[in-house]
Amino acid sequence: MPTKKTKPKTAVRKAAKSAYTCKVCGAFAVIDPVCGCVEEHVFICCGKPMKKAAVKKPAPKKAVKK
């Protein structure tokens, strides 16, 4: 008898993303999902706090004509 497949709870929630970049070495970190904490977290790289960066959303896929 086949069992019913269920989606994991993480797939139900929409994940908000935030990103940080290091101004010294150029490292880039994407935080997914955002934790929702009240206090702001500080990410350190090269001994300095990373700066918040913009997260680019992927472009919609175009239909291919045959």
N, C-alpha and C. Protein backbone atom coordinates (compact mmCIF):
# COMPACT_ATOMS: atom_id res chain seq x y z
N MET A 1 0.85 -1.17 0.00
CA MET A 1 0.00 0.00 0.00
C MET A 1 0.90 1.24 0.00
N PRO A 2 0.73 2.18 -0.96
CA PRO A 2 1.56 3.39 -1.00
C PRO A 2 1.21 4.32 0.16
N THR A 3 2.23 5.00 0.66
CA THR A 3 2.00 5.94 1.75
C THR A 3 1.81 7.34 1.20
N LYS A 4 1.09 8.15 1.94
CA LYS A 4 0.83 9.52 1.53
C LYS A 4 2.07 10.37 1.80
N LYS A 5 2.51 11.11 0.79
CA LYS A 5 3.67 11.97 0.95
C LYS A 5 3.22 13.33 1.48
N THR A 6 3.94 13.83 2.44
CA THR A 6 3.63 15.14 2.99
C THR A 6 4.83 16.06 2.80
N LYS A 7 4.53 17.34 2.64
CA LYS A 7 5.59 18.32 2.48
C LYS A 7 6.20 18.63 3.84
N PRO A 8 7.51 18.82 3.90
CA PRO A 8 8.11 19.22 5.17
C PRO A 8 7.62 20.60 5.58
N LYS A 9 7.60 20.85 6.88
CA LYS A 9 7.10 22.13 7.39
C LYS A 9 7.91 23.31 6.88
N THR A 10 9.19 23.11 6.60
CA THR A 10 10.02 24.21 6.12
C THR A 10 9.59 24.66 4.73
N ALA A 11 9.01 23.78 3.93
CA ALA A 11 8.56 24.15 2.60
C ALA A 11 7.31 25.02 2.66
N VAL A 12 6.57 24.93 3.74
CA VAL A 12 5.34 25.71 3.87
C VAL A 12 5.66 27.17 4.15
N ARG A 13 6.66 27.41 4.98
CA ARG A 13 7.03 28.79 5.32
C ARG A 13 7.79 29.42 4.17
N LYS A 14 7.52 30.70 3.91
CA LYS A 14 8.29 31.42 2.90
C LYS A 14 9.54 31.96 3.56
N ALA A 15 10.68 31.70 2.96
CA ALA A 15 11.95 32.11 3.53
C ALA A 15 12.32 33.51 3.05
N ALA A 16 12.61 34.37 4.01
CA ALA A 16 13.13 35.69 3.69
C ALA A 16 14.64 35.59 3.73
N LYS A 17 15.30 36.24 2.81
CA LYS A 17 16.75 36.15 2.74
C LYS A 17 17.38 37.50 3.06
N SER A 18 18.55 37.44 3.67
CA SER A 18 19.36 38.63 3.84
C SER A 18 20.78 38.24 3.44
N ALA A 19 21.56 39.22 3.03
CA ALA A 19 22.91 38.94 2.57
C ALA A 19 23.88 39.96 3.16
N TYR A 20 25.12 39.51 3.35
CA TYR A 20 26.17 40.36 3.89
C TYR A 20 27.42 40.17 3.04
N THR A 21 28.20 41.24 2.90
CA THR A 21 29.44 41.16 2.14
C THR A 21 30.57 41.77 2.96
N CYS A 22 31.77 41.22 2.77
CA CYS A 22 32.96 41.73 3.45
C CYS A 22 33.61 42.77 2.55
N LYS A 23 33.83 43.96 3.07
CA LYS A 23 34.45 45.03 2.29
C LYS A 23 35.95 44.86 2.16
N VAL A 24 36.55 43.93 2.93
CA VAL A 24 38.00 43.70 2.86
C VAL A 24 38.33 42.65 1.80
N CYS A 25 37.74 41.44 1.92
CA CYS A 25 38.09 40.34 1.02
C CYS A 25 37.03 40.04 -0.04
N GLY A 26 35.84 40.60 0.11
CA GLY A 26 34.79 40.38 -0.87
C GLY A 26 33.94 39.15 -0.63
N ALA A 27 34.11 38.48 0.51
CA ALA A 27 33.29 37.30 0.82
C ALA A 27 31.82 37.70 0.88
N PHE A 28 30.94 36.79 0.48
CA PHE A 28 29.51 37.07 0.41
C PHE A 28 28.78 35.97 1.15
N ALA A 29 27.89 36.33 2.07
CA ALA A 29 27.14 35.34 2.84
C ALA A 29 25.65 35.62 2.69
N VAL A 30 24.88 34.57 2.38
CA VAL A 30 23.42 34.68 2.28
C VAL A 30 22.83 33.95 3.47
N ILE A 31 21.99 34.63 4.21
CA ILE A 31 21.34 34.07 5.39
C ILE A 31 19.92 33.69 4.99
N ASP A 32 19.61 32.39 5.09
CA ASP A 32 18.32 31.91 4.62
C ASP A 32 17.82 30.81 5.54
N PRO A 33 16.77 30.94 6.21
CA PRO A 33 15.87 32.08 6.35
C PRO A 33 16.31 33.02 7.46
N VAL A 34 15.75 34.21 7.45
CA VAL A 34 16.03 35.19 8.50
C VAL A 34 15.45 34.66 9.80
N CYS A 35 16.21 34.80 10.90
CA CYS A 35 15.82 34.18 12.16
C CYS A 35 14.63 34.85 12.84
N GLY A 36 14.44 36.14 12.65
CA GLY A 36 13.33 36.83 13.29
C GLY A 36 13.65 37.33 14.69
N CYS A 37 14.92 37.30 15.09
CA CYS A 37 15.32 37.79 16.41
C CYS A 37 15.10 39.30 16.50
N VAL A 38 14.91 39.77 17.71
CA VAL A 38 14.71 41.20 17.93
C VAL A 38 16.03 41.95 17.73
N GLU A 39 17.12 41.41 18.28
CA GLU A 39 18.41 42.08 18.15
C GLU A 39 19.04 41.77 16.79
N GLU A 40 19.88 42.69 16.32
CA GLU A 40 20.56 42.50 15.04
C GLU A 40 21.83 41.69 15.26
N HIS A 41 22.09 40.73 14.41
CA HIS A 41 23.30 39.92 14.50
C HIS A 41 24.42 40.61 13.73
N VAL A 42 25.63 40.46 14.22
CA VAL A 42 26.80 41.03 13.56
C VAL A 42 27.65 39.88 13.04
N PHE A 43 27.91 39.88 11.75
CA PHE A 43 28.74 38.86 11.13
C PHE A 43 30.13 39.45 10.91
N ILE A 44 31.16 38.75 11.39
CA ILE A 44 32.53 39.25 11.34
C ILE A 44 33.33 38.48 10.29
N CYS A 45 34.08 39.21 9.47
CA CYS A 45 34.97 38.62 8.49
C CYS A 45 36.19 39.54 8.40
N CYS A 46 37.37 38.97 8.35
CA CYS A 46 38.62 39.74 8.28
C CYS A 46 38.75 40.71 9.46
N GLY A 47 38.13 40.35 10.61
CA GLY A 47 38.22 41.17 11.81
C GLY A 47 37.31 42.38 11.82
N LYS A 48 36.46 42.54 10.80
CA LYS A 48 35.55 43.69 10.73
C LYS A 48 34.12 43.21 10.48
N PRO A 49 33.12 43.98 10.93
CA PRO A 49 31.72 43.59 10.67
C PRO A 49 31.42 43.61 9.17
N MET A 50 30.66 42.62 8.72
CA MET A 50 30.24 42.58 7.32
C MET A 50 29.10 43.58 7.12
N LYS A 51 29.00 44.14 5.92
CA LYS A 51 27.96 45.11 5.59
C LYS A 51 26.79 44.40 4.92
N LYS A 52 25.59 44.89 5.19
CA LYS A 52 24.39 44.31 4.59
C LYS A 52 24.41 44.60 3.09
N ALA A 53 24.06 43.59 2.29
CA ALA A 53 24.05 43.71 0.84
C ALA A 53 22.66 43.40 0.30
N ALA A 54 22.40 43.81 -0.91
CA ALA A 54 21.12 43.53 -1.56
C ALA A 54 21.09 42.10 -2.06
N VAL A 55 19.93 41.46 -1.93
CA VAL A 55 19.74 40.11 -2.43
C VAL A 55 18.99 40.22 -3.75
N LYS A 56 19.61 39.73 -4.82
CA LYS A 56 18.97 39.79 -6.13
C LYS A 56 18.05 38.60 -6.31
N LYS A 57 16.84 38.89 -6.81
CA LYS A 57 15.89 37.83 -7.09
C LYS A 57 16.15 37.33 -8.51
N PRO A 58 16.01 36.03 -8.76
CA PRO A 58 16.25 35.52 -10.10
C PRO A 58 15.22 36.06 -11.09
N ALA A 59 15.67 36.30 -12.31
CA ALA A 59 14.78 36.79 -13.37
C ALA A 59 13.80 35.68 -13.75
N PRO A 60 12.57 36.04 -14.12
CA PRO A 60 11.62 35.00 -14.52
C PRO A 60 12.09 34.32 -15.80
N LYS A 61 11.79 33.04 -15.90
CA LYS A 61 12.20 32.28 -17.08
C LYS A 61 11.35 32.67 -18.29
N LYS A 62 12.02 32.79 -19.43
CA LYS A 62 11.31 33.15 -20.66
C LYS A 62 10.91 31.88 -21.39
N ALA A 63 9.76 31.94 -22.05
CA ALA A 63 9.28 30.80 -22.82
C ALA A 63 10.12 30.68 -24.09
N VAL A 64 10.47 29.46 -24.44
CA VAL A 64 11.27 29.20 -25.63
C VAL A 64 10.35 28.81 -26.76
N LYS A 65 10.46 29.53 -27.90
CA LYS A 65 9.64 29.22 -29.08
C LYS A 65 10.35 28.17 -29.91
N LYS A 66 9.57 27.23 -30.40
CA LYS A 66 10.14 26.17 -31.24
C LYS A 66 9.81 26.41 -32.69
